[in-house]
Protein backbone atom coordinates (compact mmCIF):
# COMPACT_ATOMS: atom_id res chain seq x y z
CA MET A 1 -46.04 71.80 -41.63
CA THR A 2 -49.20 73.45 -42.94
CA PRO A 3 -51.30 72.47 -45.97
CA ALA A 4 -49.91 75.54 -47.78
CA ILE A 5 -46.32 74.39 -47.32
CA ARG A 6 -47.22 70.80 -48.25
CA LEU A 7 -48.82 72.08 -51.47
CA LEU A 8 -45.72 74.07 -52.44
CA GLU A 9 -43.42 71.18 -51.68
CA SER A 10 -45.57 68.62 -53.53
CA ARG A 11 -45.58 70.82 -56.63
CA GLY A 12 -41.85 71.57 -56.43
CA VAL A 13 -42.47 75.32 -56.20
CA ALA A 14 -39.53 77.41 -54.99
CA HIS A 15 -40.48 79.21 -51.80
CA GLN A 16 -39.15 80.45 -48.51
CA VAL A 17 -40.78 79.93 -45.12
CA THR A 18 -40.17 82.53 -42.44
CA SER A 19 -41.51 82.57 -38.93
CA TYR A 20 -41.69 85.60 -36.69
CA GLU A 21 -42.66 86.53 -33.18
CA LEU A 22 -46.29 87.56 -32.94
CA ALA A 23 -47.25 90.87 -31.45
CA SER A 24 -49.88 90.63 -28.77
CA ASP A 25 -53.51 90.80 -29.86
CA ALA A 26 -53.76 94.13 -28.03
CA ASP A 27 -50.84 95.51 -30.09
CA ILE A 28 -52.42 94.28 -33.30
CA ALA A 29 -55.76 95.85 -32.37
CA THR A 30 -54.16 99.25 -31.80
CA GLN A 31 -51.51 99.20 -34.56
CA GLY A 32 -53.16 97.44 -37.47
CA SER A 33 -53.43 93.85 -38.60
CA TYR A 34 -51.65 90.52 -38.55
CA GLY A 35 -50.31 91.31 -42.03
CA LEU A 36 -48.79 94.61 -40.97
CA ASP A 37 -47.33 92.81 -37.97
CA ALA A 38 -45.68 90.32 -40.35
CA ALA A 39 -44.29 93.08 -42.58
CA ARG A 40 -42.81 94.91 -39.58
CA ALA A 41 -41.40 91.77 -37.96
CA LEU A 42 -39.75 90.59 -41.19
CA SER A 43 -38.69 94.07 -42.41
CA LEU A 44 -40.63 93.65 -45.64
CA PRO A 45 -42.24 96.44 -47.66
CA PRO A 46 -45.96 96.32 -46.77
CA ALA A 47 -46.86 96.57 -50.47
CA SER A 48 -45.25 93.13 -51.04
CA VAL A 49 -47.07 91.39 -48.17
CA PHE A 50 -50.59 90.31 -49.12
CA LYS A 51 -53.40 89.55 -46.71
CA THR A 52 -55.87 86.81 -47.52
CA LEU A 53 -59.48 87.88 -47.09
CA LEU A 54 -62.67 85.95 -47.68
CA ALA A 55 -65.76 87.62 -49.05
CA GLN A 56 -69.26 86.40 -49.69
CA LEU A 57 -70.89 87.46 -52.93
CA ASP A 58 -74.55 88.32 -53.29
CA ASP A 59 -75.08 84.92 -54.96
CA ASP A 60 -73.69 83.32 -51.73
CA ARG A 61 -70.40 82.15 -53.31
CA LEU A 62 -67.26 82.59 -51.26
CA VAL A 63 -64.20 84.12 -52.89
CA VAL A 64 -60.65 84.88 -51.80
CA ALA A 65 -59.24 88.39 -52.20
CA LEU A 66 -55.55 89.18 -51.82
CA VAL A 67 -54.58 92.80 -51.17
CA PRO A 68 -51.44 94.42 -49.74
CA VAL A 69 -51.47 94.65 -45.95
CA ASP A 70 -51.21 98.45 -46.08
CA ALA A 71 -54.46 98.70 -48.06
CA THR A 72 -58.11 97.82 -47.61
CA LEU A 73 -60.26 95.67 -49.85
CA ASP A 74 -62.69 97.58 -52.07
CA LEU A 75 -65.74 95.33 -51.91
CA LYS A 76 -67.44 97.08 -54.84
CA ALA A 77 -64.38 96.45 -57.01
CA LEU A 78 -64.31 92.81 -55.91
CA ALA A 79 -68.00 92.39 -56.76
CA LYS A 80 -67.40 93.90 -60.19
CA ALA A 81 -64.41 91.61 -60.81
CA ALA A 82 -66.52 88.60 -59.76
CA GLY A 83 -69.42 89.64 -61.99
CA VAL A 84 -71.96 90.33 -59.24
CA ARG A 85 -73.56 93.42 -57.76
CA LYS A 86 -72.42 93.17 -54.13
CA ALA A 87 -69.83 91.54 -51.90
CA ARG A 88 -69.37 91.59 -48.15
CA MET A 89 -66.73 90.22 -45.84
CA ALA A 90 -67.41 86.61 -44.88
CA ASP A 91 -68.16 85.90 -41.25
CA VAL A 92 -65.16 84.55 -39.32
CA PRO A 93 -66.61 81.06 -38.69
CA VAL A 94 -67.55 80.75 -42.37
CA ALA A 95 -64.05 81.80 -43.49
CA GLU A 96 -62.39 79.37 -41.08
CA ARG A 97 -64.63 76.45 -42.06
CA ALA A 98 -64.14 77.03 -45.79
CA THR A 99 -60.36 77.37 -45.63
CA GLY A 100 -59.38 75.13 -42.72
CA TYR A 101 -57.27 77.98 -41.33
CA LEU A 102 -57.76 80.40 -38.44
CA VAL A 103 -58.29 84.10 -39.17
CA GLY A 104 -54.96 85.89 -38.99
CA GLY A 105 -53.31 82.83 -40.53
CA ILE A 106 -55.46 82.12 -43.59
CA SER A 107 -53.24 81.23 -46.52
CA PRO A 108 -54.41 81.49 -50.12
CA LEU A 109 -52.71 78.11 -50.64
CA GLY A 110 -53.80 74.68 -49.44
CA GLN A 111 -57.31 75.65 -48.45
CA LYS A 112 -59.84 72.88 -47.74
CA LYS A 113 -61.92 73.95 -50.71
CA ARG A 114 -60.45 75.76 -53.71
CA LEU A 115 -62.26 79.07 -54.01
CA PRO A 116 -62.19 81.63 -56.82
CA THR A 117 -59.27 83.93 -56.06
CA PHE A 118 -58.74 87.58 -56.93
CA LEU A 119 -55.36 89.28 -56.59
CA ASP A 120 -54.87 93.02 -56.47
CA GLU A 121 -53.21 94.14 -59.69
CA SER A 122 -50.42 95.86 -57.74
CA ALA A 123 -48.93 92.36 -57.44
CA LEU A 124 -48.10 92.49 -61.15
CA THR A 125 -45.30 94.97 -60.38
CA LEU A 126 -43.61 92.55 -57.96
CA GLU A 127 -41.50 89.47 -58.65
CA THR A 128 -41.89 88.01 -55.15
CA LEU A 129 -45.01 88.06 -52.99
CA HIS A 130 -45.35 87.27 -49.30
CA VAL A 131 -48.49 85.54 -48.01
CA SER A 132 -49.55 83.73 -44.87
CA GLY A 133 -48.09 80.27 -44.47
CA GLY A 134 -51.24 78.93 -42.86
CA ARG A 135 -50.85 80.01 -39.27
CA ARG A 136 -50.17 83.21 -37.39
CA GLY A 137 -46.46 83.95 -37.29
CA LEU A 138 -45.64 82.03 -40.47
CA GLU A 139 -45.02 83.74 -43.80
CA LEU A 140 -44.33 82.31 -47.27
CA SER A 141 -42.35 84.05 -50.00
CA LEU A 142 -42.85 82.86 -53.57
CA ALA A 143 -42.79 84.09 -57.13
CA ARG A 144 -45.83 86.04 -58.24
CA HIS A 145 -46.39 83.76 -61.24
CA ASP A 146 -46.37 80.67 -58.98
CA LEU A 147 -49.00 82.15 -56.64
CA ILE A 148 -51.19 83.07 -59.61
CA ALA A 149 -50.82 79.61 -61.15
CA LEU A 150 -51.49 77.70 -57.92
CA THR A 151 -54.60 79.72 -57.04
CA ALA A 152 -55.83 80.40 -60.60
CA ALA A 153 -56.05 84.00 -59.43
CA ARG A 154 -57.54 86.72 -61.57
CA THR A 155 -56.09 90.20 -61.14
CA ALA A 156 -58.17 93.32 -60.61
CA ASP A 157 -57.85 96.74 -58.99
CA LEU A 158 -59.05 95.72 -55.51
CA ALA A 159 -56.93 97.73 -53.07
CA ARG A 160 -57.72 101.12 -51.64
CA ARG A 161 -55.19 103.12 -49.67
CA GLY A 162 -55.78 105.97 -47.30
């Protein structure tokens, strides 16, 4: 059981836990990301599966950004939403230390330190969102409003496709 699942259970939040067989790292490198792998393995629409990314703002704060797995994070849009001039992706060791999770399995829930969280506004069109359960090969499904409440997420136009 991961910290993300423990959090959901302790708060009595309805959720579903699904595990799936991981593609090899070589397959992921050539076909996309862990999130796309999860969407394919679970036959979920990629627009409903959100990847958890950590970014470092120009004032050195870390923030969490959630965008659909079939999109990329617009760092300029994230910076604007966070009220700073620039944002960059956090280094892997920094992201892992701050969250307590390994990259490819970082959940927006149950992180070691609660970080400001930004959710792509496309989530507002969905009732159920799918996010990492806290390790590779583990996915959580929960209501959009529960994810927003548990993470205190602010929504913004963060995703870029194509």
